[in-house]
C-alpha atoms as a PDB file:
ATOM      1  CA  UNK A   1      82.241  77.956  51.066  1.00  0.00           C
ATOM      2  CA  UNK A   2      84.047  79.756  53.986  1.00  0.00           C
ATOM      3  CA  UNK A   3      80.620  80.720  55.384  1.00  0.00           C
ATOM      4  CA  UNK A   4      79.834  77.140  56.113  1.00  0.00           C
ATOM      5  CA  UNK A   5      78.612  76.823  59.596  1.00  0.00           C
ATOM      6  CA  UNK A   6      77.268  73.499  61.189  1.00  0.00           C
ATOM      7  CA  UNK A   7      75.565  74.370  64.622  1.00  0.00           C
ATOM      8  CA  UNK A   8      76.206  71.895  67.440  1.00  0.00           C
ATOM      9  CA  UNK A   9      73.349  70.676  69.170  1.00  0.00           C
ATOM     10  CA  UNK A  10      74.984  71.242  72.695  1.00  0.00           C
ATOM     11  CA  UNK A  11      77.309  73.711  73.548  1.00  0.00           C
ATOM     12  CA  UNK A  12      80.643  74.926  71.338  1.00  0.00           C
ATOM     13  CA  UNK A  13      81.098  77.203  68.344  1.00  0.00           C
ATOM     14  CA  UNK A  14      79.687  75.974  65.102  1.00  0.00           C
ATOM     15  CA  UNK A  15      81.754  73.320  63.298  1.00  0.00           C
ATOM     16  CA  UNK A  16      83.415  74.731  59.862  1.00  0.00           C
ATOM     17  CA  UNK A  17      83.623  71.076  58.595  1.00  0.00           C
ATOM     18  CA  UNK A  18      80.249  69.363  57.656  1.00  0.00           C
ATOM     19  CA  UNK A  19      80.158  65.691  57.635  1.00  0.00           C
ATOM     20  CA  UNK A  20      79.282  65.595  54.079  1.00  0.00           C
ATOM     21  CA  UNK A  21      78.364  68.177  51.259  1.00  0.00           C
ATOM     22  CA  UNK A  22      75.621  67.613  48.824  1.00  0.00           C
ATOM     23  CA  UNK A  23      75.759  69.930  45.860  1.00  0.00           C
ATOM     24  CA  UNK A  24      74.442  70.568  42.658  1.00  0.00           C
ATOM     25  CA  UNK A  25      76.286  70.758  39.196  1.00  0.00           C
ATOM     26  CA  UNK A  26      76.876  74.485  39.847  1.00  0.00           C
ATOM     27  CA  UNK A  27      79.635  73.657  42.499  1.00  0.00           C
ATOM     28  CA  UNK A  28      81.411  71.174  40.170  1.00  0.00           C
ATOM     29  CA  UNK A  29      84.292  73.221  39.663  1.00  0.00           C
ATOM     30  CA  UNK A  30      87.922  72.166  40.029  1.00  0.00           C
ATOM     31  CA  UNK A  31      88.550  74.821  42.648  1.00  0.00           C
ATOM     32  CA  UNK A  32      85.726  74.014  44.680  1.00  0.00           C
ATOM     33  CA  UNK A  33      86.410  70.249  44.642  1.00  0.00           C
ATOM     34  CA  UNK A  34      90.263  71.080  45.442  1.00  0.00           C
ATOM     35  CA  UNK A  35      89.454  73.422  48.529  1.00  0.00           C
ATOM     36  CA  UNK A  36      87.141  70.172  49.633  1.00  0.00           C
ATOM     37  CA  UNK A  37      89.768  67.861  49.439  1.00  0.00           C
ATOM     38  CA  UNK A  38      92.264  69.917  51.228  1.00  0.00           C
ATOM     39  CA  UNK A  39      89.751  70.403  53.979  1.00  0.00           C
ATOM     40  CA  UNK A  40      88.857  66.871  54.195  1.00  0.00           C
ATOM     41  CA  UNK A  41      85.224  67.351  53.412  1.00  0.00           C
ATOM     42  CA  UNK A  42      83.652  64.250  51.727  1.00  0.00           C
ATOM     43  CA  UNK A  43      81.461  65.425  48.641  1.00  0.00           C
ATOM     44  CA  UNK A  44      78.791  64.043  46.350  1.00  0.00           C
ATOM     45  CA  UNK A  45      78.332  66.569  43.137  1.00  0.00           C
ATOM     46  CA  UNK A  46      77.638  65.444  39.882  1.00  0.00           C
ATOM     47  CA  UNK A  47      80.218  66.244  37.022  1.00  0.00           C
ATOM     48  CA  UNK A  48      79.073  68.834  34.516  1.00  0.00           C
ATOM     49  CA  UNK A  49      78.895  67.647  30.942  1.00  0.00           C
ATOM     50  CA  UNK A  50      81.470  69.797  29.645  1.00  0.00           C
ATOM     51  CA  UNK A  51      83.921  68.791  32.208  1.00  0.00           C
ATOM     52  CA  UNK A  52      83.404  64.925  31.393  1.00  0.00           C
ATOM     53  CA  UNK A  53      83.655  65.613  27.783  1.00  0.00           C
ATOM     54  CA  UNK A  54      87.020  67.774  28.425  1.00  0.00           C
ATOM     55  CA  UNK A  55      88.293  64.891  30.693  1.00  0.00           C
ATOM     56  CA  UNK A  56      87.717  62.335  28.036  1.00  0.00           C
ATOM     57  CA  UNK A  57      89.125  64.476  25.389  1.00  0.00           C
ATOM     58  CA  UNK A  58      92.260  64.624  27.313  1.00  0.00           C
ATOM     59  CA  UNK A  59      92.356  60.709  27.128  1.00  0.00           C
ATOM     60  CA  UNK A  60      94.605  59.398  30.091  1.00  0.00           C
ATOM     61  CA  UNK A  61      95.833  62.857  31.093  1.00  0.00           C
ATOM     62  CA  UNK A  62      92.313  63.629  31.900  1.00  0.00           C
ATOM     63  CA  UNK A  63      92.583  61.806  34.905  1.00  0.00           C
ATOM     64  CA  UNK A  64      89.718  59.761  36.575  1.00  0.00           C
ATOM     65  CA  UNK A  65      86.220  60.973  36.965  1.00  0.00           C
ATOM     66  CA  UNK A  66      85.170  62.170  40.257  1.00  0.00           C
ATOM     67  CA  UNK A  67      83.589  59.908  42.778  1.00  0.00           C
ATOM     68  CA  UNK A  68      79.819  60.248  42.403  1.00  0.00           C
ATOM     69  CA  UNK A  69      77.552  58.383  44.798  1.00  0.00           C
ATOM     70  CA  UNK A  70      73.769  58.276  43.608  1.00  0.00           C
ATOM     71  CA  UNK A  71      72.189  57.224  46.773  1.00  0.00           C
ATOM     72  CA  UNK A  72      73.541  60.095  48.563  1.00  0.00           C
ATOM     73  CA  UNK A  73      72.796  62.340  45.982  1.00  0.00           C
ATOM     74  CA  UNK A  74      69.015  61.204  46.137  1.00  0.00           C
ATOM     75  CA  UNK A  75      68.827  63.086  49.819  1.00  0.00           C
ATOM     76  CA  UNK A  76      69.145  66.522  48.013  1.00  0.00           C
ATOM     77  CA  UNK A  77      65.419  66.865  46.900  1.00  0.00           C
ATOM     78  CA  UNK A  78      64.501  67.449  50.644  1.00  0.00           C
ATOM     79  CA  UNK A  79      66.489  70.565  50.423  1.00  0.00           C
ATOM     80  CA  UNK A  80      65.357  71.440  47.149  1.00  0.00           C
ATOM     81  CA  UNK A  81      61.753  71.084  48.084  1.00  0.00           C
ATOM     82  CA  UNK A  82      62.431  73.212  51.159  1.00  0.00           C
ATOM     83  CA  UNK A  83      63.483  75.948  48.591  1.00  0.00           C
ATOM     84  CA  UNK A  84      60.552  75.474  46.731  1.00  0.00           C
ATOM     85  CA  UNK A  85      58.339  76.135  49.573  1.00  0.00           C
ATOM     86  CA  UNK A  86      60.262  78.842  50.603  1.00  0.00           C
ATOM     87  CA  UNK A  87      59.968  80.614  47.056  1.00  0.00           C
ATOM     88  CA  UNK A  88      56.375  80.686  47.747  1.00  0.00           C
ATOM     89  CA  UNK A  89      56.705  83.649  49.668  1.00  0.00           C
ATOM     90  CA  UNK A  90      56.992  86.886  47.521  1.00  0.00           C
ATOM     91  CA  UNK A  91      59.395  88.742  49.423  1.00  0.00           C
ATOM     92  CA  UNK A  92      61.573  85.723  49.596  1.00  0.00           C
ATOM     93  CA  UNK A  93      61.353  85.062  46.088  1.00  0.00           C
ATOM     94  CA  UNK A  94      61.960  88.696  44.738  1.00  0.00           C
ATOM     95  CA  UNK A  95      64.245  89.600  47.296  1.00  0.00           C
ATOM     96  CA  UNK A  96      62.881  92.893  48.401  1.00  0.00           C
ATOM     97  CA  UNK A  97      64.860  93.369  51.505  1.00  0.00           C
ATOM     98  CA  UNK A  98      67.916  95.839  51.197  1.00  0.00           C
ATOM     99  CA  UNK A  99      70.102  94.571  53.728  1.00  0.00           C
ATOM    100  CA  UNK A 100      71.165  90.644  54.507  1.00  0.00           C
ATOM    101  CA  UNK A 101      69.887  90.907  57.995  1.00  0.00           C
ATOM    102  CA  UNK A 102      66.351  91.473  56.984  1.00  0.00           C
ATOM    103  CA  UNK A 103      66.083  88.998  54.565  1.00  0.00           C
ATOM    104  CA  UNK A 104      67.375  86.212  56.544  1.00  0.00           C
ATOM    105  CA  UNK A 105      64.881  87.315  59.163  1.00  0.00           C
ATOM    106  CA  UNK A 106      62.475  87.121  56.339  1.00  0.00           C
ATOM    107  CA  UNK A 107      63.659  83.512  55.622  1.00  0.00           C
ATOM    108  CA  UNK A 108      63.728  82.471  59.261  1.00  0.00           C
ATOM    109  CA  UNK A 109      60.181  84.010  60.015  1.00  0.00           C
ATOM    110  CA  UNK A 110      59.154  82.038  56.681  1.00  0.00           C
ATOM    111  CA  UNK A 111      60.696  78.818  58.218  1.00  0.00           C
ATOM    112  CA  UNK A 112      59.421  79.080  61.561  1.00  0.00           C
ATOM    113  CA  UNK A 113      55.818  79.680  60.143  1.00  0.00           C
ATOM    114  CA  UNK A 114      56.184  76.632  57.732  1.00  0.00           C
ATOM    115  CA  UNK A 115      57.301  74.433  60.356  1.00  0.00           C
ATOM    116  CA  UNK A 116      54.647  75.442  62.692  1.00  0.00           C
END
């Protein structure tokens, strides 16, 4: 989460606090939600079934369920479709590159070719 960078359209350093974060159930941990709240980053992350069961099992001590905006979450499909198209490149899907730099270069190249 510390590596989040949102590039600016003009001059200046990248922002480290996005306007809104959309995540899947893999980012539903209490630690991540707390970190996002401390940094005042609004987020839309669905609650995992086991977390909901544990919260309900604790009764009134379990707290309220986290806020979840279904309309905002529907926009995640754009990112998922992009990942699916990138995974069609064999080198990216299986990560043949040894270094992070060469892998990032391959993802950038594939993105440019898809865009063009």
